[in-house]
Amino acid sequence: MLISATASADSFRILLLPNDGSGDNFIVQKQVAGANILVNGGTPPAFFSTFYEPGSTIGGTTQVFFSNGTVLIGGTSFDLTFSAPGTLFLSSFTLPTNGKDFTVLVQLRFAAQGVVIDTGQNYDLGGNATGLLSFHFENGFYFTDPAGFIQTPEAGTLELVGTGLIGLFALARKRLRL
């Protein structure tokens, strides 16, 4: 059976939703060396909002706050603490002025450090992600799609899926010959 080298690779996922001013608007999940880390928090409302005027430029770097974080190690869950705020970078783009719906490919870069309260172990929670942001034009404004940032699959994930499909195809073909 074929096994891809990326099967055991670390993974990083981020969900960024429009901030309506009510608090949390992002979730980060990271897997590293036997640990599954989950962090929730928020950005300032002005950083990634629910609506914008046409021609607005969106993006840049902002500090983020954390509402909670946990790490799962060997089936045991531990709480994380944060000694400083994290940062979130969103690649910049300008909304069109033509009044049409708009989707753009963007980069997110997250940086933060977490410490396991019980053990003092440090974790780098940072990572990068590429994905899509969509905006709908209505009544003179661009409204952020409620789905927020839709992360596109990493190249390693696509390679792993491709390798698995090739292996299944080869196995099926071999059985058909018998």
Protein backbone atom coordinates (compact mmCIF):
# COMPACT_ATOMS: atom_id res chain seq x y z
CA MET A 1 0.00 0.00 0.00
CA LEU A 2 1.25 3.52 -0.78
CA ILE A 3 1.63 5.99 2.06
CA SER A 4 2.39 9.65 1.49
CA ALA A 5 5.10 11.38 3.50
CA THR A 6 2.63 14.16 4.27
CA ALA A 7 0.29 11.79 6.12
CA SER A 8 1.99 12.58 9.44
CA ALA A 9 2.64 16.25 8.73
CA ASP A 10 1.53 19.01 11.08
CA SER A 11 -1.70 20.71 10.12
CA PHE A 12 -3.07 24.22 10.59
CA ARG A 13 -6.69 25.32 10.05
CA ILE A 14 -8.22 28.71 10.71
CA LEU A 15 -11.79 29.95 10.55
CA LEU A 16 -12.23 33.74 10.33
CA LEU A 17 -15.77 35.11 10.40
CA PRO A 18 -16.95 38.71 9.98
CA ASN A 19 -16.84 40.56 13.30
CA ASP A 20 -20.19 42.03 14.25
CA GLY A 21 -18.76 43.46 17.48
CA SER A 22 -20.09 40.66 19.68
CA GLY A 23 -16.74 39.03 20.49
CA ASP A 24 -15.09 35.91 19.10
CA ASN A 25 -14.69 35.65 15.33
CA PHE A 26 -11.87 33.16 14.77
CA ILE A 27 -10.97 29.57 15.62
CA VAL A 28 -7.52 28.06 15.12
CA GLN A 29 -6.86 24.33 15.10
CA LYS A 30 -3.31 23.04 14.93
CA GLN A 31 -1.94 19.50 15.13
CA VAL A 32 1.71 19.05 16.07
CA ALA A 33 3.71 16.10 17.38
CA GLY A 34 0.89 14.23 19.16
CA ALA A 35 -1.01 17.32 20.28
CA ASN A 36 -4.27 18.74 18.95
CA ILE A 37 -4.62 22.44 19.82
CA LEU A 38 -7.83 24.49 19.62
CA VAL A 39 -7.93 28.26 20.24
CA ASN A 40 -10.85 30.72 20.09
CA GLY A 41 -10.62 34.48 20.05
CA GLY A 42 -11.45 37.70 18.31
CA THR A 43 -10.18 40.63 16.30
CA PRO A 44 -11.15 44.28 16.71
CA PRO A 45 -14.51 44.86 14.93
CA ALA A 46 -12.93 47.29 12.44
CA PHE A 47 -10.38 44.70 11.21
CA PHE A 48 -12.80 42.28 9.51
CA SER A 49 -16.33 43.63 9.64
CA THR A 50 -19.73 42.68 8.28
CA PHE A 51 -20.03 45.42 5.62
CA TYR A 52 -17.89 47.89 3.63
CA GLU A 53 -18.25 50.74 1.17
CA PRO A 54 -17.22 50.08 -2.45
CA GLY A 55 -13.52 50.88 -3.01
CA SER A 56 -12.61 50.05 0.61
CA THR A 57 -9.22 48.45 1.17
CA ILE A 58 -9.25 45.51 3.58
CA GLY A 59 -6.31 43.72 5.17
CA GLY A 60 -3.18 44.29 7.20
CA THR A 61 -2.11 43.12 10.64
CA THR A 62 -4.00 43.30 13.92
CA GLN A 63 -3.69 42.03 17.46
CA VAL A 64 -6.08 39.29 18.53
CA PHE A 65 -7.44 38.40 21.94
CA PHE A 66 -8.06 34.87 23.19
CA SER A 67 -11.21 33.68 24.93
CA ASN A 68 -9.96 30.13 25.50
CA GLY A 69 -7.54 27.49 24.35
CA THR A 70 -7.08 23.78 24.93
CA VAL A 71 -4.57 21.15 23.92
CA LEU A 72 -5.38 17.44 23.71
CA ILE A 73 -2.36 15.24 24.44
CA GLY A 74 -2.74 11.46 24.58
CA GLY A 75 -6.47 11.68 25.24
CA THR A 76 -6.10 14.22 28.09
CA SER A 77 -7.27 17.81 27.67
CA PHE A 78 -5.29 20.71 29.16
CA ASP A 79 -6.11 24.42 29.29
CA LEU A 80 -3.81 26.92 27.59
CA THR A 81 -2.90 30.39 28.80
CA PHE A 82 -1.48 33.24 26.76
CA SER A 83 1.15 35.68 28.06
CA ALA A 84 0.59 38.16 25.23
CA PRO A 85 -1.92 38.89 22.48
CA GLY A 86 -1.45 37.15 19.17
CA THR A 87 -1.38 38.71 15.72
CA LEU A 88 -3.35 38.05 12.57
CA PHE A 89 -2.29 39.19 9.10
CA LEU A 90 -4.73 39.32 6.19
CA SER A 91 -3.34 40.09 2.73
CA SER A 92 -4.71 43.41 1.46
CA PHE A 93 -7.20 43.89 -1.37
CA THR A 94 -9.59 46.59 -2.53
CA LEU A 95 -13.28 46.02 -3.08
CA PRO A 96 -14.51 46.94 -6.56
CA THR A 97 -16.70 49.95 -7.27
CA ASN A 98 -18.82 48.21 -9.94
CA GLY A 99 -21.48 46.97 -7.52
CA LYS A 100 -21.01 43.28 -8.36
CA ASP A 101 -20.45 40.36 -6.00
CA PHE A 102 -16.76 39.76 -5.40
CA THR A 103 -14.57 36.82 -4.32
CA VAL A 104 -10.84 37.17 -3.64
CA LEU A 105 -8.01 34.74 -2.81
CA VAL A 106 -6.24 35.84 0.38
CA GLN A 107 -3.47 34.77 2.72
CA LEU A 108 -3.86 34.62 6.50
CA ARG A 109 -0.91 34.41 8.88
CA PHE A 110 -1.55 33.78 12.57
CA ALA A 111 1.08 34.10 15.31
CA ALA A 112 0.68 33.31 19.00
CA GLN A 113 2.28 31.39 21.84
CA GLY A 114 0.32 29.26 24.29
CA VAL A 115 1.43 27.66 27.55
CA VAL A 116 -0.15 24.55 29.10
CA ILE A 117 -1.26 25.71 32.54
CA ASP A 118 -0.58 22.36 34.28
CA THR A 119 2.84 21.58 32.78
CA GLY A 120 4.31 24.88 31.57
CA GLN A 121 4.90 23.40 28.12
CA ASN A 122 5.05 26.06 25.36
CA TYR A 123 3.32 25.72 21.99
CA ASP A 124 3.78 27.80 18.87
CA LEU A 125 0.22 28.24 17.66
CA GLY A 126 1.13 30.06 14.46
CA GLY A 127 0.50 29.09 10.89
CA ASN A 128 -0.42 30.23 7.40
CA ALA A 129 -3.52 29.58 5.33
CA THR A 130 -4.76 30.44 1.86
CA GLY A 131 -8.44 30.78 1.12
CA LEU A 132 -11.34 32.72 -0.30
CA LEU A 133 -13.36 35.65 0.98
CA SER A 134 -16.66 36.49 -0.73
CA PHE A 135 -18.65 39.70 -0.63
CA HIS A 136 -22.21 40.36 -1.77
CA PHE A 137 -23.25 43.80 -3.02
CA GLU A 138 -26.56 45.07 -1.71
CA ASN A 139 -28.05 48.55 -1.12
CA GLY A 140 -24.78 50.33 -1.93
CA PHE A 141 -22.54 48.26 0.38
CA TYR A 142 -20.46 45.10 0.22
CA PHE A 143 -21.53 42.58 2.85
CA THR A 144 -19.08 39.92 3.94
CA ASP A 145 -20.35 36.42 3.22
CA PRO A 146 -21.39 34.92 6.59
CA ALA A 147 -19.23 31.85 5.85
CA GLY A 148 -16.17 34.10 6.23
CA PHE A 149 -12.75 32.82 5.20
CA ILE A 150 -12.98 29.50 3.33
CA GLN A 151 -9.61 27.79 3.59
CA THR A 152 -8.43 26.03 0.43
CA PRO A 153 -6.76 22.62 0.77
CA GLU A 154 -3.00 22.60 1.25
CA ALA A 155 -0.87 21.11 -1.52
CA GLY A 156 0.17 18.29 0.83
CA THR A 157 -3.48 17.40 1.44
CA LEU A 158 -4.13 17.25 -2.28
CA GLU A 159 -1.03 15.06 -2.73
CA LEU A 160 -2.23 12.71 0.01
CA VAL A 161 -5.68 12.40 -1.56
CA GLY A 162 -4.12 11.88 -5.00
CA THR A 163 -1.74 9.21 -3.71
CA GLY A 164 -4.63 7.39 -2.01
CA LEU A 165 -6.76 7.48 -5.16
CA ILE A 166 -3.88 6.15 -7.28
CA GLY A 167 -3.36 3.34 -4.76
CA LEU A 168 -7.05 2.43 -4.80
CA PHE A 169 -7.12 2.52 -8.61
CA ALA A 170 -4.04 0.25 -8.80
CA LEU A 171 -5.57 -2.20 -6.32
CA ALA A 172 -8.88 -2.29 -8.19
CA ARG A 173 -7.12 -2.78 -11.50
CA LYS A 174 -5.04 -5.64 -10.08
CA ARG A 175 -8.18 -7.39 -8.77
CA LEU A 176 -9.92 -7.00 -12.13
CA ARG A 177 -7.03 -8.84 -13.83
CA LEU A 178 -7.33 -11.84 -11.51
